[in-house]
PDB file of N, CA and C in Angstrom:
ATOM      1  N   MET A   1       0.409  -1.317   0.215  1.00  0.00           N
ATOM      2  CA  MET A   1      -0.318  -0.386   0.166  1.00  0.00           C
ATOM      3  C   MET A   1       0.817   1.646   0.185  1.00  0.00           C
ATOM      4  N   LEU A   2       1.860   1.444   1.467  1.00  0.00           N
ATOM      5  CA  LEU A   2       2.846   2.397   1.255  1.00  0.00           C
ATOM      6  C   LEU A   2       3.709   2.614  -0.098  1.00  0.00           C
ATOM      7  N   ARG A   3       3.720   1.751  -1.575  1.00  0.00           N
ATOM      8  CA  ARG A   3       4.370   2.170  -2.236  1.00  0.00           C
ATOM      9  C   ARG A   3       4.010   2.683  -3.406  1.00  0.00           C
ATOM     10  N   ARG A   4       2.577   2.705  -3.108  1.00  0.00           N
ATOM     11  CA  ARG A   4       2.375   2.926  -4.491  1.00  0.00           C
ATOM     12  C   ARG A   4       2.028   4.453  -4.364  1.00  0.00           C
ATOM     13  N   PHE A   5       1.503   5.531  -5.386  1.00  0.00           N
ATOM     14  CA  PHE A   5       2.249   6.905  -5.892  1.00  0.00           C
ATOM     15  C   PHE A   5       0.659   7.330  -5.294  1.00  0.00           C
ATOM     16  N   PRO A   6       0.955   8.731  -4.950  1.00  0.00           N
ATOM     17  CA  PRO A   6       2.779   9.727  -4.064  1.00  0.00           C
ATOM     18  C   PRO A   6       2.803   9.181  -2.516  1.00  0.00           C
ATOM     19  N   ALA A   7       2.292   8.187  -1.999  1.00  0.00           N
ATOM     20  CA  ALA A   7       2.329   8.130  -0.711  1.00  0.00           C
ATOM     21  C   ALA A   7       3.340   7.427  -0.601  1.00  0.00           C
ATOM     22  N   GLY A   8       4.221   6.454  -2.092  1.00  0.00           N
ATOM     23  CA  GLY A   8       5.470   5.901  -1.613  1.00  0.00           C
ATOM     24  C   GLY A   8       6.562   7.005  -2.007  1.00  0.00           C
ATOM     25  N   ARG A   9       6.367   8.110  -2.877  1.00  0.00           N
ATOM     26  CA  ARG A   9       7.180   8.849  -2.897  1.00  0.00           C
ATOM     27  C   ARG A   9       7.733   9.303  -1.415  1.00  0.00           C
ATOM     28  N   LEU A  10       6.530  10.091  -0.657  1.00  0.00           N
ATOM     29  CA  LEU A  10       7.216  10.538   0.984  1.00  0.00           C
ATOM     30  C   LEU A  10       7.823   9.121   1.616  1.00  0.00           C
ATOM     31  N   LEU A  11       7.588   8.083   1.581  1.00  0.00           N
ATOM     32  CA  LEU A  11       8.683   6.785   1.687  1.00  0.00           C
ATOM     33  C   LEU A  11      10.072   7.274   1.523  1.00  0.00           C
ATOM     34  N   ALA A  12      10.265   7.313  -0.429  1.00  0.00           N
ATOM     35  CA  ALA A  12      11.275   7.205  -0.662  1.00  0.00           C
ATOM     36  C   ALA A  12      11.720   8.375  -0.666  1.00  0.00           C
ATOM     37  N   TYR A  13      11.653   9.832   0.015  1.00  0.00           N
ATOM     38  CA  TYR A  13      12.210  10.680   0.972  1.00  0.00           C
ATOM     39  C   TYR A  13      13.340  10.395   1.485  1.00  0.00           C
ATOM     40  N   PHE A  14      12.255   9.528   2.744  1.00  0.00           N
ATOM     41  CA  PHE A  14      12.748   9.163   3.730  1.00  0.00           C
ATOM     42  C   PHE A  14      14.117   7.594   3.635  1.00  0.00           C
ATOM     43  N   ASP A  15      14.132   7.125   2.065  1.00  0.00           N
ATOM     44  CA  ASP A  15      14.973   6.118   2.151  1.00  0.00           C
ATOM     45  C   ASP A  15      16.262   7.050   1.714  1.00  0.00           C
ATOM     46  N   GLU A  16      15.821   8.548   0.803  1.00  0.00           N
ATOM     47  CA  GLU A  16      17.117   8.563   0.567  1.00  0.00           C
ATOM     48  C   GLU A  16      18.081   9.836   1.798  1.00  0.00           C
ATOM     49  N   LEU A  17      17.030  10.326   2.349  1.00  0.00           N
ATOM     50  CA  LEU A  17      17.968  11.306   3.671  1.00  0.00           C
ATOM     51  C   LEU A  17      18.396   9.784   4.868  1.00  0.00           C
ATOM     52  N   ALA A  18      18.193   8.496   4.909  1.00  0.00           N
ATOM     53  CA  ALA A  18      18.582   7.882   5.305  1.00  0.00           C
ATOM     54  C   ALA A  18      20.561   7.606   4.219  1.00  0.00           C
ATOM     55  N   ASP A  19      20.153   7.628   3.073  1.00  0.00           N
ATOM     56  CA  ASP A  19      21.456   7.667   2.435  1.00  0.00           C
ATOM     57  C   ASP A  19      22.347   8.519   2.749  1.00  0.00           C
ATOM     58  N   LEU A  20      21.472   9.627   2.698  1.00  0.00           N
ATOM     59  CA  LEU A  20      22.855  11.072   3.166  1.00  0.00           C
ATOM     60  C   LEU A  20      23.126  11.088   4.506  1.00  0.00           C
ATOM     61  N   LEU A  21      22.137  10.597   5.414  1.00  0.00           N
ATOM     62  CA  LEU A  21      23.008  10.774   6.826  1.00  0.00           C
ATOM     63  C   LEU A  21      23.943   9.652   7.069  1.00  0.00           C
ATOM     64  N   ALA A  22      24.407   8.727   6.443  1.00  0.00           N
ATOM     65  CA  ALA A  22      24.780   7.855   6.926  1.00  0.00           C
ATOM     66  C   ALA A  22      26.026   8.088   5.806  1.00  0.00           C
ATOM     67  N   SER A  23      26.045   8.932   5.091  1.00  0.00           N
ATOM     68  CA  SER A  23      27.399   9.135   4.118  1.00  0.00           C
ATOM     69  C   SER A  23      28.503   9.454   5.359  1.00  0.00           C
ATOM     70  N   ASP A  24      29.613   9.350   4.591  1.00  0.00           N
ATOM     71  CA  ASP A  24      30.970   9.812   5.426  1.00  0.00           C
ATOM     72  C   ASP A  24      31.134  11.527   5.580  1.00  0.00           C
ATOM     73  N   ASP A  25      30.696  11.680   4.558  1.00  0.00           N
ATOM     74  CA  ASP A  25      30.861  13.259   4.556  1.00  0.00           C
ATOM     75  C   ASP A  25      29.694  14.506   4.722  1.00  0.00           C
ATOM     76  N   PHE A  26      28.808  13.754   5.254  1.00  0.00           N
ATOM     77  CA  PHE A  26      27.052  14.605   5.588  1.00  0.00           C
ATOM     78  C   PHE A  26      27.826  15.276   7.104  1.00  0.00           C
ATOM     79  N   ARG A  27      27.417  16.517   6.907  1.00  0.00           N
ATOM     80  CA  ARG A  27      27.842  17.338   7.905  1.00  0.00           C
ATOM     81  C   ARG A  27      26.891  18.620   8.353  1.00  0.00           C
ATOM     82  N   GLY A  28      25.557  17.688   8.257  1.00  0.00           N
ATOM     83  CA  GLY A  28      24.426  18.544   8.721  1.00  0.00           C
ATOM     84  C   GLY A  28      23.820  19.166   7.316  1.00  0.00           C
ATOM     85  N   CYS A  29      22.222  19.557   7.553  1.00  0.00           N
ATOM     86  CA  CYS A  29      22.093  20.654   7.063  1.00  0.00           C
ATOM     87  C   CYS A  29      22.795  21.799   6.279  1.00  0.00           C
ATOM     88  N   PRO A  30      22.891  22.327   5.227  1.00  0.00           N
ATOM     89  CA  PRO A  30      23.635  23.512   4.911  1.00  0.00           C
ATOM     90  C   PRO A  30      22.463  24.509   5.244  1.00  0.00           C
ATOM     91  N   PHE A  31      21.367  24.551   5.032  1.00  0.00           N
ATOM     92  CA  PHE A  31      20.533  25.392   5.266  1.00  0.00           C
ATOM     93  C   PHE A  31      19.989  25.872   7.086  1.00  0.00           C
ATOM     94  N   THR A  32      20.390  24.682   7.343  1.00  0.00           N
ATOM     95  CA  THR A  32      20.548  24.994   8.911  1.00  0.00           C
ATOM     96  C   THR A  32      21.576  25.495   9.370  1.00  0.00           C
ATOM     97  N   ASN A  33      22.432  25.124   9.120  1.00  0.00           N
ATOM     98  CA  ASN A  33      23.795  25.486   9.595  1.00  0.00           C
ATOM     99  C   ASN A  33      23.879  26.958   9.361  1.00  0.00           C
ATOM    100  N   ALA A  34      23.286  27.419   8.166  1.00  0.00           N
ATOM    101  CA  ALA A  34      23.601  29.005   7.308  1.00  0.00           C
ATOM    102  C   ALA A  34      22.862  29.202   8.843  1.00  0.00           C
ATOM    103  N   ALA A  35      21.168  28.937   9.121  1.00  0.00           N
ATOM    104  CA  ALA A  35      19.856  30.014   9.813  1.00  0.00           C
ATOM    105  C   ALA A  35      20.905  29.853  10.960  1.00  0.00           C
ATOM    106  N   ILE A  36      21.787  28.316  11.838  1.00  0.00           N
ATOM    107  CA  ILE A  36      22.117  29.221  12.937  1.00  0.00           C
ATOM    108  C   ILE A  36      23.302  30.061  12.998  1.00  0.00           C
ATOM    109  N   GLU A  37      24.206  29.823  12.463  1.00  0.00           N
ATOM    110  CA  GLU A  37      25.343  31.129  11.776  1.00  0.00           C
ATOM    111  C   GLU A  37      24.779  32.170  12.003  1.00  0.00           C
ATOM    112  N   VAL A  38      23.491  32.639  11.123  1.00  0.00           N
ATOM    113  CA  VAL A  38      22.901  34.269  10.808  1.00  0.00           C
ATOM    114  C   VAL A  38      22.176  34.558  12.186  1.00  0.00           C
ATOM    115  N   ALA A  39      21.091  33.836  12.364  1.00  0.00           N
ATOM    116  CA  ALA A  39      20.317  34.025  13.342  1.00  0.00           C
ATOM    117  C   ALA A  39      19.562  35.576  13.065  1.00  0.00           C
ATOM    118  N   ASN A  40      19.885  36.520  12.134  1.00  0.00           N
ATOM    119  CA  ASN A  40      19.136  37.326  11.851  1.00  0.00           C
ATOM    120  C   ASN A  40      17.366  37.294  10.681  1.00  0.00           C
ATOM    121  N   PRO A  41      16.761  37.332  11.377  1.00  0.00           N
ATOM    122  CA  PRO A  41      15.296  36.784  10.417  1.00  0.00           C
ATOM    123  C   PRO A  41      15.484  37.395   9.113  1.00  0.00           C
ATOM    124  N   ARG A  42      15.969  38.473   9.817  1.00  0.00           N
ATOM    125  CA  ARG A  42      15.763  39.563   8.258  1.00  0.00           C
ATOM    126  C   ARG A  42      17.024  39.304   7.327  1.00  0.00           C
ATOM    127  N   HIS A  43      18.170  38.867   7.673  1.00  0.00           N
ATOM    128  CA  HIS A  43      19.272  38.212   7.001  1.00  0.00           C
ATOM    129  C   HIS A  43      19.009  37.635   5.846  1.00  0.00           C
ATOM    130  N   PRO A  44      19.581  38.182   4.496  1.00  0.00           N
ATOM    131  CA  PRO A  44      19.159  36.972   3.072  1.00  0.00           C
ATOM    132  C   PRO A  44      19.335  36.096   3.046  1.00  0.00           C
ATOM    133  N   ALA A  45      20.384  35.572   4.228  1.00  0.00           N
ATOM    134  CA  ALA A  45      20.737  33.873   3.642  1.00  0.00           C
ATOM    135  C   ALA A  45      19.680  33.330   5.150  1.00  0.00           C
ATOM    136  N   PHE A  46      19.158  33.674   6.163  1.00  0.00           N
ATOM    137  CA  PHE A  46      17.641  33.343   7.071  1.00  0.00           C
ATOM    138  C   PHE A  46      17.223  33.100   6.030  1.00  0.00           C
ATOM    139  N   ILE A  47      16.493  34.039   5.446  1.00  0.00           N
ATOM    140  CA  ILE A  47      14.942  34.249   4.701  1.00  0.00           C
ATOM    141  C   ILE A  47      15.317  33.136   3.353  1.00  0.00           C
ATOM    142  N   VAL A  48      16.562  32.775   3.271  1.00  0.00           N
ATOM    143  CA  VAL A  48      16.893  31.578   2.330  1.00  0.00           C
ATOM    144  C   VAL A  48      16.423  29.849   2.933  1.00  0.00           C
ATOM    145  N   THR A  49      17.233  30.111   3.864  1.00  0.00           N
ATOM    146  CA  THR A  49      16.963  28.783   4.896  1.00  0.00           C
ATOM    147  C   THR A  49      15.295  28.536   4.764  1.00  0.00           C
ATOM    148  N   GLN A  50      14.991  29.844   5.167  1.00  0.00           N
ATOM    149  CA  GLN A  50      13.428  29.881   5.846  1.00  0.00           C
ATOM    150  C   GLN A  50      12.439  28.971   4.069  1.00  0.00           C
ATOM    151  N   GLN A  51      12.861  29.804   3.215  1.00  0.00           N
ATOM    152  CA  GLN A  51      12.421  29.164   2.067  1.00  0.00           C
ATOM    153  C   GLN A  51      12.545  27.890   1.902  1.00  0.00           C
ATOM    154  N   HIS A  52      13.792  27.101   1.943  1.00  0.00           N
ATOM    155  CA  HIS A  52      14.405  26.054   1.694  1.00  0.00           C
ATOM    156  C   HIS A  52      13.395  25.093   2.460  1.00  0.00           C
ATOM    157  N   ASN A  53      12.896  25.373   3.880  1.00  0.00           N
ATOM    158  CA  ASN A  53      12.167  24.783   4.679  1.00  0.00           C
ATOM    159  C   ASN A  53      10.776  24.784   4.301  1.00  0.00           C
ATOM    160  N   ASP A  54      10.368  25.642   3.686  1.00  0.00           N
ATOM    161  CA  ASP A  54       9.009  26.106   3.094  1.00  0.00           C
ATOM    162  C   ASP A  54       8.915  25.029   1.647  1.00  0.00           C
ATOM    163  N   ALA A  55       9.721  24.921   1.141  1.00  0.00           N
ATOM    164  CA  ALA A  55       9.601  23.936  -0.446  1.00  0.00           C
ATOM    165  C   ALA A  55       9.681  22.765   0.100  1.00  0.00           C
ATOM    166  N   VAL A  56      10.394  22.259   1.348  1.00  0.00           N
ATOM    167  CA  VAL A  56      10.312  20.873   1.850  1.00  0.00           C
ATOM    168  C   VAL A  56       9.207  20.058   2.235  1.00  0.00           C
ATOM    169  N   TYR A  57       8.748  21.725   2.967  1.00  0.00           N
ATOM    170  CA  TYR A  57       7.023  21.002   4.006  1.00  0.00           C
ATOM    171  C   TYR A  57       6.049  21.147   2.213  1.00  0.00           C
ATOM    172  N   GLY A  58       6.068  22.443   1.207  1.00  0.00           N
ATOM    173  CA  GLY A  58       5.252  22.195   0.327  1.00  0.00           C
ATOM    174  C   GLY A  58       5.318  20.892  -0.495  1.00  0.00           C
ATOM    175  N   TYR A  59       6.691  20.314  -0.785  1.00  0.00           N
ATOM    176  CA  TYR A  59       6.496  19.278  -1.503  1.00  0.00           C
ATOM    177  C   TYR A  59       5.922  18.335  -0.637  1.00  0.00           C
ATOM    178  N   PHE A  60       6.425  17.884   0.516  1.00  0.00           N
ATOM    179  CA  PHE A  60       5.186  17.015   1.671  1.00  0.00           C
ATOM    180  C   PHE A  60       4.292  17.072   1.810  1.00  0.00           C
ATOM    181  N   LEU A  61       3.489  18.354   1.800  1.00  0.00           N
ATOM    182  CA  LEU A  61       2.140  18.876   1.586  1.00  0.00           C
ATOM    183  C   LEU A  61       1.222  18.245   0.300  1.00  0.00           C
ATOM    184  N   GLY A  62       2.128  18.430  -1.106  1.00  0.00           N
ATOM    185  CA  GLY A  62       1.902  18.477  -2.541  1.00  0.00           C
ATOM    186  C   GLY A  62       1.334  16.616  -2.526  1.00  0.00           C
ATOM    187  N   GLN A  63       2.647  15.970  -1.685  1.00  0.00           N
ATOM    188  CA  GLN A  63       2.157  14.206  -2.155  1.00  0.00           C
ATOM    189  C   GLN A  63       0.998  14.021  -1.347  1.00  0.00           C
ATOM    190  N   ALA A  64       1.230  14.392   0.104  1.00  0.00           N
ATOM    191  CA  ALA A  64       0.082  14.065   0.565  1.00  0.00           C
ATOM    192  C   ALA A  64      -1.348  14.525   0.280  1.00  0.00           C
ATOM    193  N   ARG A  65      -1.588  15.408  -0.571  1.00  0.00           N
ATOM    194  CA  ARG A  65      -2.638  15.704  -0.991  1.00  0.00           C
ATOM    195  C   ARG A  65      -2.850  15.105  -1.719  1.00  0.00           C
ATOM    196  N   ALA A  66      -1.708  14.976  -2.848  1.00  0.00           N
ATOM    197  CA  ALA A  66      -2.061  13.994  -4.310  1.00  0.00           C
ATOM    198  C   ALA A  66      -2.327  12.982  -4.070  1.00  0.00           C
ATOM    199  N   GLY A  67      -2.165  12.283  -2.757  1.00  0.00           N
ATOM    200  CA  GLY A  67      -2.484  11.223  -2.291  1.00  0.00           C
ATOM    201  C   GLY A  67      -3.709  10.766  -1.308  1.00  0.00           C
ATOM    202  N   LYS A  68      -4.160  11.902  -1.472  1.00  0.00           N
ATOM    203  CA  LYS A  68      -5.690  11.951  -0.540  1.00  0.00           C
ATOM    204  C   LYS A  68      -5.143  11.465   0.875  1.00  0.00           C
ATOM    205  N   LEU A  69      -4.208  11.725   2.018  1.00  0.00           N
ATOM    206  CA  LEU A  69      -4.229  11.185   2.724  1.00  0.00           C
ATOM    207  C   LEU A  69      -4.490  12.132   3.742  1.00  0.00           C
ATOM    208  N   ARG A  70      -5.022  12.301   4.912  1.00  0.00           N
ATOM    209  CA  ARG A  70      -6.003  12.458   6.471  1.00  0.00           C
ATOM    210  C   ARG A  70      -4.984  13.826   6.926  1.00  0.00           C
ATOM    211  N   SER A  71      -5.480  14.893   7.026  1.00  0.00           N
ATOM    212  CA  SER A  71      -4.657  15.836   7.423  1.00  0.00           C
ATOM    213  C   SER A  71      -3.269  16.124   6.877  1.00  0.00           C
ATOM    214  N   PRO A  72      -3.571  16.796   5.023  1.00  0.00           N
ATOM    215  CA  PRO A  72      -2.246  16.570   4.809  1.00  0.00           C
ATOM    216  C   PRO A  72      -1.303  17.930   5.549  1.00  0.00           C
ATOM    217  N   GLU A  73      -1.943  18.530   5.859  1.00  0.00           N
ATOM    218  CA  GLU A  73      -1.234  20.002   6.174  1.00  0.00           C
ATOM    219  C   GLU A  73      -0.583  19.516   7.680  1.00  0.00           C
ATOM    220  N   SER A  74      -1.094  18.586   8.455  1.00  0.00           N
ATOM    221  CA  SER A  74      -0.195  18.097   9.935  1.00  0.00           C
ATOM    222  C   SER A  74       1.091  17.427   9.715  1.00  0.00           C
ATOM    223  N   LEU A  75       0.564  16.444   8.476  1.00  0.00           N
ATOM    224  CA  LEU A  75       1.182  15.545   8.094  1.00  0.00           C
ATOM    225  C   LEU A  75       2.673  15.959   7.282  1.00  0.00           C
ATOM    226  N   ALA A  76       2.212  17.230   5.993  1.00  0.00           N
ATOM    227  CA  ALA A  76       3.279  17.510   5.782  1.00  0.00           C
ATOM    228  C   ALA A  76       4.443  18.170   7.349  1.00  0.00           C
ATOM    229  N   GLY A  77       4.011  19.018   7.774  1.00  0.00           N
ATOM    230  CA  GLY A  77       4.803  19.340   9.106  1.00  0.00           C
ATOM    231  C   GLY A  77       5.565  19.007   9.841  1.00  0.00           C
ATOM    232  N   GLN A  78       4.894  17.718  10.189  1.00  0.00           N
ATOM    233  CA  GLN A  78       5.521  16.689  11.240  1.00  0.00           C
ATOM    234  C   GLN A  78       6.628  15.924  10.286  1.00  0.00           C
ATOM    235  N   LEU A  79       6.355  15.455   8.858  1.00  0.00           N
ATOM    236  CA  LEU A  79       7.562  14.903   8.479  1.00  0.00           C
ATOM    237  C   LEU A  79       8.471  16.256   8.070  1.00  0.00           C
ATOM    238  N   THR A  80       8.115  17.344   7.839  1.00  0.00           N
ATOM    239  CA  THR A  80       9.069  18.489   7.909  1.00  0.00           C
ATOM    240  C   THR A  80       9.841  18.192   9.483  1.00  0.00           C
ATOM    241  N   LEU A  81       9.389  18.575  10.552  1.00  0.00           N
ATOM    242  CA  LEU A  81      10.075  18.503  11.689  1.00  0.00           C
ATOM    243  C   LEU A  81      10.943  17.039  11.463  1.00  0.00           C
ATOM    244  N   LEU A  82      10.325  16.125  11.368  1.00  0.00           N
ATOM    245  CA  LEU A  82      11.356  14.756  11.327  1.00  0.00           C
ATOM    246  C   LEU A  82      12.063  15.018  10.237  1.00  0.00           C
ATOM    247  N   THR A  83      12.319  15.555   9.500  1.00  0.00           N
ATOM    248  CA  THR A  83      13.540  15.944   8.647  1.00  0.00           C
ATOM    249  C   THR A  83      14.489  16.625   8.860  1.00  0.00           C
ATOM    250  N   LEU A  84      14.031  17.614   9.488  1.00  0.00           N
ATOM    251  CA  LEU A  84      15.212  18.704  10.223  1.00  0.00           C
ATOM    252  C   LEU A  84      15.969  17.633  11.491  1.00  0.00           C
ATOM    253  N   GLY A  85      15.021  17.550  12.195  1.00  0.00           N
ATOM    254  CA  GLY A  85      15.203  16.567  13.665  1.00  0.00           C
ATOM    255  C   GLY A  85      16.577  15.671  13.196  1.00  0.00           C
ATOM    256  N   ALA A  86      16.250  15.063  12.336  1.00  0.00           N
ATOM    257  CA  ALA A  86      16.831  13.732  11.559  1.00  0.00           C
ATOM    258  C   ALA A  86      18.037  14.232  11.330  1.00  0.00           C
ATOM    259  N   MET A  87      18.613  15.591  10.423  1.00  0.00           N
ATOM    260  CA  MET A  87      19.419  15.977  10.371  1.00  0.00           C
ATOM    261  C   MET A  87      20.468  16.509  11.585  1.00  0.00           C
ATOM    262  N   ILE A  88      19.652  17.039  12.169  1.00  0.00           N
ATOM    263  CA  ILE A  88      20.809  17.948  13.350  1.00  0.00           C
ATOM    264  C   ILE A  88      20.778  16.465  14.255  1.00  0.00           C
ATOM    265  N   THR A  89      20.181  15.450  14.555  1.00  0.00           N
ATOM    266  CA  THR A  89      20.697  14.438  14.979  1.00  0.00           C
ATOM    267  C   THR A  89      21.922  13.833  14.837  1.00  0.00           C
ATOM    268  N   ALA A  90      21.969  13.807  12.967  1.00  0.00           N
ATOM    269  CA  ALA A  90      22.943  12.791  12.547  1.00  0.00           C
ATOM    270  C   ALA A  90      24.366  13.918  12.755  1.00  0.00           C
ATOM    271  N   HIS A  91      23.637  14.871  12.817  1.00  0.00           N
ATOM    272  CA  HIS A  91      25.268  16.566  12.366  1.00  0.00           C
ATOM    273  C   HIS A  91      25.542  15.899  13.812  1.00  0.00           C
ATOM    274  N   THR A  92      25.013  16.058  14.859  1.00  0.00           N
ATOM    275  CA  THR A  92      25.387  16.467  16.487  1.00  0.00           C
ATOM    276  C   THR A  92      26.092  15.443  17.311  1.00  0.00           C
ATOM    277  N   GLY A  93      26.389  13.965  16.339  1.00  0.00           N
ATOM    278  CA  GLY A  93      27.028  12.844  17.061  1.00  0.00           C
ATOM    279  C   GLY A  93      26.155  11.448  17.065  1.00  0.00           C
ATOM    280  N   ARG A  94      25.197  11.381  16.753  1.00  0.00           N
ATOM    281  CA  ARG A  94      24.633  10.333  17.305  1.00  0.00           C
ATOM    282  C   ARG A  94      24.577   9.848  15.545  1.00  0.00           C
ATOM    283  N   GLN A  95      24.687   8.222  15.188  1.00  0.00           N
ATOM    284  CA  GLN A  95      25.441   7.771  14.278  1.00  0.00           C
ATOM    285  C   GLN A  95      24.445   7.716  13.084  1.00  0.00           C
ATOM    286  N   GLY A  96      25.262   8.857  11.962  1.00  0.00           N
ATOM    287  CA  GLY A  96      23.852   9.040  10.697  1.00  0.00           C
ATOM    288  C   GLY A  96      23.054   7.887  10.734  1.00  0.00           C
ATOM    289  N   ASP A  97      23.544   6.381  10.391  1.00  0.00           N
ATOM    290  CA  ASP A  97      22.371   5.625   9.848  1.00  0.00           C
ATOM    291  C   ASP A  97      21.359   5.322  11.194  1.00  0.00           C
ATOM    292  N   VAL A  98      22.004   5.314  12.179  1.00  0.00           N
ATOM    293  CA  VAL A  98      20.575   5.423  12.698  1.00  0.00           C
ATOM    294  C   VAL A  98      19.467   5.900  12.883  1.00  0.00           C
ATOM    295  N   ALA A  99      20.466   7.554  12.876  1.00  0.00           N
ATOM    296  CA  ALA A  99      19.208   8.606  12.937  1.00  0.00           C
ATOM    297  C   ALA A  99      18.405   8.343  11.488  1.00  0.00           C
ATOM    298  N   GLY A 100      19.474   7.885  10.380  1.00  0.00           N
ATOM    299  CA  GLY A 100      18.111   7.749   9.049  1.00  0.00           C
ATOM    300  C   GLY A 100      17.330   6.712   9.208  1.00  0.00           C
ATOM    301  N   ARG A 101      17.657   5.448   9.755  1.00  0.00           N
ATOM    302  CA  ARG A 101      17.127   4.654   9.830  1.00  0.00           C
ATOM    303  C   ARG A 101      15.414   5.208  10.930  1.00  0.00           C
ATOM    304  N   ASP A 102      16.020   5.855  12.105  1.00  0.00           N
ATOM    305  CA  ASP A 102      14.806   5.940  12.906  1.00  0.00           C
ATOM    306  C   ASP A 102      13.815   6.915  12.416  1.00  0.00           C
ATOM    307  N   ALA A 103      14.179   7.724  11.862  1.00  0.00           N
ATOM    308  CA  ALA A 103      13.549   8.852  10.822  1.00  0.00           C
ATOM    309  C   ALA A 103      12.919   7.805   9.974  1.00  0.00           C
ATOM    310  N   ARG A 104      13.177   7.023   9.073  1.00  0.00           N
ATOM    311  CA  ARG A 104      12.296   6.102   8.267  1.00  0.00           C
ATOM    312  C   ARG A 104      11.173   5.656   8.659  1.00  0.00           C
ATOM    313  N   GLU A 105      12.144   4.759  10.077  1.00  0.00           N
ATOM    314  CA  GLU A 105      11.037   4.366  10.484  1.00  0.00           C
ATOM    315  C   GLU A 105       9.452   5.073  11.143  1.00  0.00           C
ATOM    316  N   ALA A 106      10.065   6.271  11.575  1.00  0.00           N
ATOM    317  CA  ALA A 106       8.751   7.300  11.752  1.00  0.00           C
ATOM    318  C   ALA A 106       8.511   7.700  10.766  1.00  0.00           C
ATOM    319  N   ALA A 107       8.670   7.576   9.442  1.00  0.00           N
ATOM    320  CA  ALA A 107       7.724   8.205   8.902  1.00  0.00           C
ATOM    321  C   ALA A 107       6.730   7.392   8.235  1.00  0.00           C
ATOM    322  N   LEU A 108       7.466   6.479   8.203  1.00  0.00           N
ATOM    323  CA  LEU A 108       6.799   5.181   8.032  1.00  0.00           C
ATOM    324  C   LEU A 108       5.252   5.077   8.936  1.00  0.00           C
ATOM    325  N   ALA A 109       5.659   5.206  10.162  1.00  0.00           N
ATOM    326  CA  ALA A 109       4.343   4.983  11.042  1.00  0.00           C
ATOM    327  C   ALA A 109       3.341   6.302  10.308  1.00  0.00           C
ATOM    328  N   LEU A 110       4.147   7.692   9.793  1.00  0.00           N
ATOM    329  CA  LEU A 110       3.076   8.908  10.155  1.00  0.00           C
ATOM    330  C   LEU A 110       2.314   8.790   8.860  1.00  0.00           C
ATOM    331  N   ILE A 111       2.703   8.404   8.368  1.00  0.00           N
ATOM    332  CA  ILE A 111       2.342   7.998   6.781  1.00  0.00           C
ATOM    333  C   ILE A 111       1.538   6.636   6.854  1.00  0.00           C
ATOM    334  N   ALA A 112       1.779   5.778   7.510  1.00  0.00           N
ATOM    335  CA  ALA A 112       0.526   4.387   7.983  1.00  0.00           C
ATOM    336  C   ALA A 112      -0.683   4.969   8.349  1.00  0.00           C
ATOM    337  N   GLY A 113      -0.315   6.076   9.303  1.00  0.00           N
ATOM    338  CA  GLY A 113      -1.252   6.534  10.148  1.00  0.00           C
ATOM    339  C   GLY A 113      -2.336   7.481   9.287  1.00  0.00           C
ATOM    340  N   ALA A 114      -2.169   7.738   8.490  1.00  0.00           N
ATOM    341  CA  ALA A 114      -2.371   8.944   7.375  1.00  0.00           C
ATOM    342  C   ALA A 114      -3.427   8.265   5.827  1.00  0.00           C
ATOM    343  N   PRO A 115      -4.026   7.256   6.260  1.00  0.00           N
ATOM    344  CA  PRO A 115      -4.437   6.379   5.118  1.00  0.00           C
ATOM    345  C   PRO A 115      -5.039   7.653   4.332  1.00  0.00           C
ATOM    346  N   GLU A 116      -4.947   6.144   2.765  1.00  0.00           N
ATOM    347  CA  GLU A 116      -5.572   7.441   1.607  1.00  0.00           C
ATOM    348  C   GLU A 116      -6.989   6.860   1.501  1.00  0.00           C
TER     349      GLU A 116
END
């Protein structure tokens, strides 16, 4: 069921994220890193980080709506939070492969809980 388009695309995103987090050269999300360094919400670099997060949310929202999943706005917000949290967790010392696996399992539970 979950591999069907477009719900399967949501899970595929987390498959790719898991690969990224497990890579030896992962140094955190460049957008989050920039937001932390800049900290001024009116700075152009900070605004770009917000736009990036909005784009990630928008992707999840579009897929959730296309799949007619329950509460698409809530699901998109949860998956965005999960993505950012997994990246920060992997970057700040937890093994990336573990963070990626945990994020994928959490995404699977969220997606499965919002059936078509």
